[in-house]
Structures are given as C-alpha cells and as structure tokens.
Amino acid sequence: DKVDQDRVDALALSAEKAKQEQEAKRRQEQIDLTERKRQEEAEQKLRLAKQQEEADAKKKQAAAQQAAADAEREKKIAD
C-alpha cells in the first residue's frame, strides 16, 4: 500500500544518499593520498638535491686542500 511504498522509497533514497556520501569520501581520500604522495616526492627531491650539493661542496673543498698541499710541496722542493 501507499505507506509501505513511501517507506521503501525513503529507504531507497537513504541508501542512495549513503552510497553517494561514501563515494564522495572515497574520492576525497584518493585526492588526499595523491596530494600526500606528491608532497613526499617533492620533499625527497629536495633532500636529494641538498645531499648532492653537500657532496659537491665536500669534493670542491677536498680538491682545494689537495691543490694547497701540492703547492706547498712544490714550494718546499723549490726552496
């Protein structure tokens, strides 16, 4: 009868609304996950760049020290 049909319609509407809310939540979680991954990749790239910069600076410093030591040795030989 009419009351039962109204009840069934209300339940169907409620179920559809819950399904839509769940899908919206799932999409938002996927967006959040993608953003978090993008952020982590950016941070990793920054860390690697900093490590490379530090390694390059150490190499440059070692080369300068070696050049200074070589120059000192040459000076002593010349004297």
PDB file of N, CA and C in Angstrom:
ATOM      1  N   ASP A   1       0.836  -1.205   0.000  1.00  0.00           N
ATOM      2  CA  ASP A   1       0.000   0.000   0.000  1.00  0.00           C
ATOM      3  C   ASP A   1       0.866   1.249   0.000  1.00  0.00           C
ATOM      4  N   LYS A   2       0.247   2.401   0.110  1.00  0.00           N
ATOM      5  CA  LYS A   2       0.938   3.689  -0.007  1.00  0.00           C
ATOM      6  C   LYS A   2       1.987   3.891   1.079  1.00  0.00           C
ATOM      7  N   VAL A   3       1.677   3.533   2.310  1.00  0.00           N
ATOM      8  CA  VAL A   3       2.616   3.724   3.425  1.00  0.00           C
ATOM      9  C   VAL A   3       3.855   2.868   3.210  1.00  0.00           C
ATOM     10  N   ASP A   4       3.644   1.604   2.813  1.00  0.00           N
ATOM     11  CA  ASP A   4       4.780   0.719   2.557  1.00  0.00           C
ATOM     12  C   ASP A   4       5.636   1.249   1.412  1.00  0.00           C
ATOM     13  N   GLN A   5       4.985   1.729   0.371  1.00  0.00           N
ATOM     14  CA  GLN A   5       5.730   2.252  -0.784  1.00  0.00           C
ATOM     15  C   GLN A   5       6.532   3.491  -0.389  1.00  0.00           C
ATOM     16  N   ASP A   6       5.929   4.354   0.420  1.00  0.00           N
ATOM     17  CA  ASP A   6       6.652   5.542   0.895  1.00  0.00           C
ATOM     18  C   ASP A   6       7.867   5.131   1.722  1.00  0.00           C
ATOM     19  N   ARG A   7       7.687   4.109   2.545  1.00  0.00           N
ATOM     20  CA  ARG A   7       8.779   3.612   3.386  1.00  0.00           C
ATOM     21  C   ARG A   7       9.903   3.036   2.511  1.00  0.00           C
ATOM     22  N   VAL A   8       9.533   2.256   1.502  1.00  0.00           N
ATOM     23  CA  VAL A   8      10.516   1.670   0.579  1.00  0.00           C
ATOM     24  C   VAL A   8      11.244   2.780  -0.172  1.00  0.00           C
ATOM     25  N   ASP A   9      10.495   3.775  -0.622  1.00  0.00           N
ATOM     26  CA  ASP A   9      11.111   4.903  -1.334  1.00  0.00           C
ATOM     27  C   ASP A   9      12.089   5.649  -0.427  1.00  0.00           C
ATOM     28  N   ALA A  10      11.701   5.852   0.815  1.00  0.00           N
ATOM     29  CA  ALA A  10      12.562   6.556   1.765  1.00  0.00           C
ATOM     30  C   ALA A  10      13.833   5.750   2.029  1.00  0.00           C
ATOM     31  N   LEU A  11      13.688   4.440   2.171  1.00  0.00           N
ATOM     32  CA  LEU A  11      14.860   3.582   2.389  1.00  0.00           C
ATOM     33  C   LEU A  11      15.783   3.600   1.170  1.00  0.00           C
ATOM     34  N   ALA A  12      15.195   3.530  -0.010  1.00  0.00           N
ATOM     35  CA  ALA A  12      15.993   3.552  -1.238  1.00  0.00           C
ATOM     36  C   ALA A  12      16.728   4.879  -1.364  1.00  0.00           C
ATOM     37  N   LEU A  13      16.033   5.962  -1.051  1.00  0.00           N
ATOM     38  CA  LEU A  13      16.642   7.291  -1.114  1.00  0.00           C
ATOM     39  C   LEU A  13      17.776   7.401  -0.099  1.00  0.00           C
ATOM     40  N   SER A  14      17.536   6.882   1.094  1.00  0.00           N
ATOM     41  CA  SER A  14      18.548   6.908   2.147  1.00  0.00           C
ATOM     42  C   SER A  14      19.770   6.086   1.743  1.00  0.00           C
ATOM     43  N   ALA A  15      19.531   4.922   1.161  1.00  0.00           N
ATOM     44  CA  ALA A  15      20.633   4.062   0.724  1.00  0.00           C
ATOM     45  C   ALA A  15      21.427   4.733  -0.389  1.00  0.00           C
ATOM     46  N   GLU A  16      20.736   5.369  -1.313  1.00  0.00           N
ATOM     47  CA  GLU A  16      21.414   6.069  -2.414  1.00  0.00           C
ATOM     48  C   GLU A  16      22.245   7.230  -1.884  1.00  0.00           C
ATOM     49  N   LYS A  17      21.686   7.957  -0.934  1.00  0.00           N
ATOM     50  CA  LYS A  17      22.416   9.084  -0.340  1.00  0.00           C
ATOM     51  C   LYS A  17      23.666   8.582   0.378  1.00  0.00           C
ATOM     52  N   ALA A  18      23.540   7.488   1.115  1.00  0.00           N
ATOM     53  CA  ALA A  18      24.689   6.911   1.823  1.00  0.00           C
ATOM     54  C   ALA A  18      25.752   6.462   0.825  1.00  0.00           C
ATOM     55  N   LYS A  19      25.312   5.873  -0.277  1.00  0.00           N
ATOM     56  CA  LYS A  19      26.241   5.422  -1.319  1.00  0.00           C
ATOM     57  C   LYS A  19      26.984   6.615  -1.920  1.00  0.00           C
ATOM     58  N   GLN A  20      26.264   7.692  -2.191  1.00  0.00           N
ATOM     59  CA  GLN A  20      26.887   8.890  -2.751  1.00  0.00           C
ATOM     60  C   GLN A  20      27.886   9.505  -1.768  1.00  0.00           C
ATOM     61  N   GLU A  21      27.510   9.536  -0.495  1.00  0.00           N
ATOM     62  CA  GLU A  21      28.417  10.081   0.525  1.00  0.00           C
ATOM     63  C   GLU A  21      29.679   9.231   0.637  1.00  0.00           C
ATOM     64  N   GLN A  22      29.505   7.920   0.574  1.00  0.00           N
ATOM     65  CA  GLN A  22      30.654   7.015   0.653  1.00  0.00           C
ATOM     66  C   GLN A  22      31.570   7.220  -0.558  1.00  0.00           C
ATOM     67  N   GLU A  23      30.983   7.375  -1.726  1.00  0.00           N
ATOM     68  CA  GLU A  23      31.771   7.604  -2.943  1.00  0.00           C
ATOM     69  C   GLU A  23      32.501   8.941  -2.867  1.00  0.00           C
ATOM     70  N   ALA A  24      31.838   9.958  -2.363  1.00  0.00           N
ATOM     71  CA  ALA A  24      32.479  11.270  -2.208  1.00  0.00           C
ATOM     72  C   ALA A  24      33.643  11.175  -1.222  1.00  0.00           C
ATOM     73  N   LYS A  25      33.440  10.436  -0.147  1.00  0.00           N
ATOM     74  CA  LYS A  25      34.502  10.250   0.849  1.00  0.00           C
ATOM     75  C   LYS A  25      35.681   9.504   0.230  1.00  0.00           C
ATOM     76  N   ARG A  26      35.394   8.465  -0.556  1.00  0.00           N
ATOM     77  CA  ARG A  26      36.449   7.693  -1.213  1.00  0.00           C
ATOM     78  C   ARG A  26      37.246   8.569  -2.176  1.00  0.00           C
ATOM     79  N   ARG A  27      36.535   9.390  -2.946  1.00  0.00           N
ATOM     80  CA  ARG A  27      37.221  10.294  -3.885  1.00  0.00           C
ATOM     81  C   ARG A  27      38.110  11.276  -3.138  1.00  0.00           C
ATOM     82  N   GLN A  28      37.613  11.822  -2.034  1.00  0.00           N
ATOM     83  CA  GLN A  28      38.407  12.779  -1.254  1.00  0.00           C
ATOM     84  C   GLN A  28      39.641  12.103  -0.660  1.00  0.00           C
ATOM     85  N   GLU A  29      39.473  10.874  -0.185  1.00  0.00           N
ATOM     86  CA  GLU A  29      40.624  10.140   0.349  1.00  0.00           C
ATOM     87  C   GLU A  29      41.664   9.903  -0.740  1.00  0.00           C
ATOM     88  N   GLN A  30      41.204   9.614  -1.959  1.00  0.00           N
ATOM     89  CA  GLN A  30      42.126   9.399  -3.080  1.00  0.00           C
ATOM     90  C   GLN A  30      42.861  10.696  -3.409  1.00  0.00           C
ATOM     91  N   ILE A  31      42.137  11.804  -3.384  1.00  0.00           N
ATOM     92  CA  ILE A  31      42.762  13.109  -3.630  1.00  0.00           C
ATOM     93  C   ILE A  31      43.799  13.396  -2.553  1.00  0.00           C
ATOM     94  N   ASP A  32      43.441  13.142  -1.297  1.00  0.00           N
ATOM     95  CA  ASP A  32      44.371  13.370  -0.185  1.00  0.00           C
ATOM     96  C   ASP A  32      45.614  12.500  -0.323  1.00  0.00           C
ATOM     97  N   LEU A  33      45.418  11.247  -0.696  1.00  0.00           N
ATOM     98  CA  LEU A  33      46.537  10.321  -0.867  1.00  0.00           C
ATOM     99  C   LEU A  33      47.459  10.796  -1.990  1.00  0.00           C
ATOM    100  N   THR A  34      46.870  11.221  -3.086  1.00  0.00           N
ATOM    101  CA  THR A  34      47.659  11.717  -4.217  1.00  0.00           C
ATOM    102  C   THR A  34      48.446  12.955  -3.813  1.00  0.00           C
ATOM    103  N   GLU A  35      47.814  13.848  -3.092  1.00  0.00           N
ATOM    104  CA  GLU A  35      48.491  15.075  -2.642  1.00  0.00           C
ATOM    105  C   GLU A  35      49.621  14.748  -1.670  1.00  0.00           C
ATOM    106  N   ARG A  36      49.359  13.825  -0.756  1.00  0.00           N
ATOM    107  CA  ARG A  36      50.398  13.430   0.209  1.00  0.00           C
ATOM    108  C   ARG A  36      51.592  12.807  -0.522  1.00  0.00           C
ATOM    109  N   LYS A  37      51.313  11.969  -1.519  1.00  0.00           N
ATOM    110  CA  LYS A  37      52.384  11.345  -2.301  1.00  0.00           C
ATOM    111  C   LYS A  37      53.179  12.406  -3.057  1.00  0.00           C
ATOM    112  N   ARG A  38      52.491  13.364  -3.641  1.00  0.00           N
ATOM    113  CA  ARG A  38      53.162  14.440  -4.367  1.00  0.00           C
ATOM    114  C   ARG A  38      54.065  15.236  -3.422  1.00  0.00           C
ATOM    115  N   GLN A  39      53.557  15.498  -2.231  1.00  0.00           N
ATOM    116  CA  GLN A  39      54.328  16.243  -1.232  1.00  0.00           C
ATOM    117  C   GLN A  39      55.569  15.457  -0.810  1.00  0.00           C
ATOM    118  N   GLU A  40      55.406  14.159  -0.572  1.00  0.00           N
ATOM    119  CA  GLU A  40      56.540  13.318  -0.179  1.00  0.00           C
ATOM    120  C   GLU A  40      57.591  13.271  -1.281  1.00  0.00           C
ATOM    121  N   GLU A  41      57.144  13.188  -2.536  1.00  0.00           N
ATOM    122  CA  GLU A  41      58.089  13.171  -3.653  1.00  0.00           C
ATOM    123  C   GLU A  41      58.848  14.489  -3.745  1.00  0.00           C
ATOM    124  N   ALA A  42      58.164  15.590  -3.516  1.00  0.00           N
ATOM    125  CA  ALA A  42      58.819  16.903  -3.547  1.00  0.00           C
ATOM    126  C   ALA A  42      59.853  17.009  -2.428  1.00  0.00           C
ATOM    127  N   GLU A  43      59.503  16.531  -1.238  1.00  0.00           N
ATOM    128  CA  GLU A  43      60.439  16.563  -0.111  1.00  0.00           C
ATOM    129  C   GLU A  43      61.647  15.675  -0.382  1.00  0.00           C
ATOM    130  N   GLN A  44      61.412  14.506  -0.967  1.00  0.00           N
ATOM    131  CA  GLN A  44      62.508  13.589  -1.299  1.00  0.00           C
ATOM    132  C   GLN A  44      63.441  14.232  -2.325  1.00  0.00           C
ATOM    133  N   LYS A  45      62.862  14.875  -3.317  1.00  0.00           N
ATOM    134  CA  LYS A  45      63.668  15.545  -4.348  1.00  0.00           C
ATOM    135  C   LYS A  45      64.528  16.641  -3.714  1.00  0.00           C
ATOM    136  N   LEU A  46      63.949  17.372  -2.792  1.00  0.00           N
ATOM    137  CA  LEU A  46      64.675  18.434  -2.098  1.00  0.00           C
ATOM    138  C   LEU A  46      65.820  17.856  -1.263  1.00  0.00           C
ATOM    139  N   ARG A  47      65.541  16.754  -0.548  1.00  0.00           N
ATOM    140  CA  ARG A  47      66.596  16.103   0.254  1.00  0.00           C
ATOM    141  C   ARG A  47      67.746  15.633  -0.633  1.00  0.00           C
ATOM    142  N   LEU A  48      67.406  15.016  -1.753  1.00  0.00           N
ATOM    143  CA  LEU A  48      68.444  14.517  -2.655  1.00  0.00           C
ATOM    144  C   LEU A  48      69.270  15.663  -3.230  1.00  0.00           C
ATOM    145  N   ALA A  49      68.618  16.750  -3.578  1.00  0.00           N
ATOM    146  CA  ALA A  49      69.337  17.913  -4.103  1.00  0.00           C
ATOM    147  C   ALA A  49      70.287  18.471  -3.044  1.00  0.00           C
ATOM    148  N   LYS A  50      69.829  18.523  -1.802  1.00  0.00           N
ATOM    149  CA  LYS A  50      70.675  19.026  -0.715  1.00  0.00           C
ATOM    150  C   LYS A  50      71.868  18.098  -0.488  1.00  0.00           C
ATOM    151  N   GLN A  51      71.625  16.794  -0.509  1.00  0.00           N
ATOM    152  CA  GLN A  51      72.721  15.831  -0.347  1.00  0.00           C
ATOM    153  C   GLN A  51      73.747  15.990  -1.465  1.00  0.00           C
ATOM    154  N   GLN A  52      73.261  16.160  -2.692  1.00  0.00           N
ATOM    155  CA  GLN A  52      74.165  16.322  -3.831  1.00  0.00           C
ATOM    156  C   GLN A  52      74.978  17.600  -3.681  1.00  0.00           C
ATOM    157  N   GLU A  53      74.320  18.651  -3.232  1.00  0.00           N
ATOM    158  CA  GLU A  53      75.001  19.935  -3.025  1.00  0.00           C
ATOM    159  C   GLU A  53      76.101  19.789  -1.968  1.00  0.00           C
ATOM    160  N   GLU A  54      75.791  19.088  -0.885  1.00  0.00           N
ATOM    161  CA  GLU A  54      76.782  18.870   0.173  1.00  0.00           C
ATOM    162  C   GLU A  54      77.950  18.023  -0.335  1.00  0.00           C
ATOM    163  N   ALA A  55      77.658  16.992  -1.115  1.00  0.00           N
ATOM    164  CA  ALA A  55      78.714  16.135  -1.666  1.00  0.00           C
ATOM    165  C   ALA A  55      79.610  16.941  -2.609  1.00  0.00           C
ATOM    166  N   ASP A  56      78.991  17.781  -3.433  1.00  0.00           N
ATOM    167  CA  ASP A  56      79.769  18.622  -4.353  1.00  0.00           C
ATOM    168  C   ASP A  56      80.663  19.586  -3.580  1.00  0.00           C
ATOM    169  N   ALA A  57      80.142  20.159  -2.509  1.00  0.00           N
ATOM    170  CA  ALA A  57      80.920  21.098  -1.695  1.00  0.00           C
ATOM    171  C   ALA A  57      82.104  20.383  -1.042  1.00  0.00           C
ATOM    172  N   LYS A  58      81.887  19.157  -0.568  1.00  0.00           N
ATOM    173  CA  LYS A  58      82.985  18.389   0.044  1.00  0.00           C
ATOM    174  C   LYS A  58      84.061  18.073  -0.991  1.00  0.00           C
ATOM    175  N   LYS A  59      83.632  17.690  -2.196  1.00  0.00           N
ATOM    176  CA  LYS A  59      84.600  17.404  -3.261  1.00  0.00           C
ATOM    177  C   LYS A  59      85.423  18.642  -3.587  1.00  0.00           C
ATOM    178  N   LYS A  60      84.735  19.765  -3.693  1.00  0.00           N
ATOM    179  CA  LYS A  60      85.411  21.020  -4.019  1.00  0.00           C
ATOM    180  C   LYS A  60      86.416  21.382  -2.921  1.00  0.00           C
ATOM    181  N   GLN A  61      86.006  21.205  -1.670  1.00  0.00           N
ATOM    182  CA  GLN A  61      86.889  21.508  -0.544  1.00  0.00           C
ATOM    183  C   GLN A  61      88.099  20.573  -0.546  1.00  0.00           C
ATOM    184  N   ALA A  62      87.872  19.285  -0.799  1.00  0.00           N
ATOM    185  CA  ALA A  62      88.972  18.318  -0.837  1.00  0.00           C
ATOM    186  C   ALA A  62      89.940  18.655  -1.967  1.00  0.00           C
ATOM    187  N   ALA A  63      89.406  19.052  -3.114  1.00  0.00           N
ATOM    188  CA  ALA A  63      90.263  19.418  -4.244  1.00  0.00           C
ATOM    189  C   ALA A  63      91.088  20.656  -3.907  1.00  0.00           C
ATOM    190  N   ALA A  64      90.482  21.621  -3.244  1.00  0.00           N
ATOM    191  CA  ALA A  64      91.198  22.842  -2.861  1.00  0.00           C
ATOM    192  C   ALA A  64      92.299  22.514  -1.858  1.00  0.00           C
ATOM    193  N   GLN A  65      92.005  21.640  -0.905  1.00  0.00           N
ATOM    194  CA  GLN A  65      93.021  21.243   0.079  1.00  0.00           C
ATOM    195  C   GLN A  65      94.171  20.495  -0.600  1.00  0.00           C
ATOM    196  N   GLN A  66      93.823  19.639  -1.550  1.00  0.00           N
ATOM    197  CA  GLN A  66      94.856  18.899  -2.277  1.00  0.00           C
ATOM    198  C   GLN A  66      95.723  19.851  -3.089  1.00  0.00           C
ATOM    199  N   ALA A  67      95.086  20.824  -3.726  1.00  0.00           N
ATOM    200  CA  ALA A  67      95.840  21.803  -4.513  1.00  0.00           C
ATOM    201  C   ALA A  67      96.764  22.611  -3.611  1.00  0.00           C
ATOM    202  N   ALA A  68      96.280  22.985  -2.439  1.00  0.00           N
ATOM    203  CA  ALA A  68      97.110  23.741  -1.497  1.00  0.00           C
ATOM    204  C   ALA A  68      98.283  22.890  -1.017  1.00  0.00           C
ATOM    205  N   ALA A  69      98.023  21.615  -0.735  1.00  0.00           N
ATOM    206  CA  ALA A  69      99.092  20.714  -0.291  1.00  0.00           C
ATOM    207  C   ALA A  69     100.120  20.523  -1.400  1.00  0.00           C
ATOM    208  N   ASP A  70      99.644  20.379  -2.633  1.00  0.00           N
ATOM    209  CA  ASP A  70     100.557  20.234  -3.772  1.00  0.00           C
ATOM    210  C   ASP A  70     101.409  21.484  -3.938  1.00  0.00           C
ATOM    211  N   ALA A  71     100.788  22.650  -3.816  1.00  0.00           N
ATOM    212  CA  ALA A  71     101.517  23.912  -3.955  1.00  0.00           C
ATOM    213  C   ALA A  71     102.562  24.043  -2.853  1.00  0.00           C
ATOM    214  N   GLU A  72     102.205  23.653  -1.646  1.00  0.00           N
ATOM    215  CA  GLU A  72     103.149  23.717  -0.518  1.00  0.00           C
ATOM    216  C   GLU A  72     104.331  22.778  -0.763  1.00  0.00           C
ATOM    217  N   ARG A  73     104.036  21.580  -1.254  1.00  0.00           N
ATOM    218  CA  ARG A  73     105.098  20.614  -1.531  1.00  0.00           C
ATOM    219  C   ARG A  73     106.027  21.130  -2.632  1.00  0.00           C
ATOM    220  N   GLU A  74     105.443  21.702  -3.673  1.00  0.00           N
ATOM    221  CA  GLU A  74     106.248  22.263  -4.767  1.00  0.00           C
ATOM    222  C   GLU A  74     107.129  23.402  -4.255  1.00  0.00           C
ATOM    223  N   LYS A  75     106.583  24.208  -3.357  1.00  0.00           N
ATOM    224  CA  LYS A  75     107.342  25.335  -2.798  1.00  0.00           C
ATOM    225  C   LYS A  75     108.540  24.821  -2.001  1.00  0.00           C
ATOM    226  N   LYS A  76     108.317  23.766  -1.212  1.00  0.00           N
ATOM    227  CA  LYS A  76     109.408  23.197  -0.408  1.00  0.00           C
ATOM    228  C   LYS A  76     110.484  22.602  -1.310  1.00  0.00           C
ATOM    229  N   ILE A  77     110.050  21.951  -2.388  1.00  0.00           N
ATOM    230  CA  ILE A  77     111.008  21.366  -3.332  1.00  0.00           C
ATOM    231  C   ILE A  77     111.833  22.474  -3.985  1.00  0.00           C
ATOM    232  N   ALA A  78     111.179  23.577  -4.313  1.00  0.00           N
ATOM    233  CA  ALA A  78     111.859  24.696  -4.978  1.00  0.00           C
ATOM    234  C   ALA A  78     112.848  25.379  -4.049  1.00  0.00           C
ATOM    235  N   ASP A  79     112.591  25.351  -2.764  1.00  0.00           N
ATOM    236  CA  ASP A  79     113.483  26.025  -1.797  1.00  0.00           C
ATOM    237  C   ASP A  79     114.713  25.263  -1.513  1.00  0.00           C
TER     238      ASP A  79
END
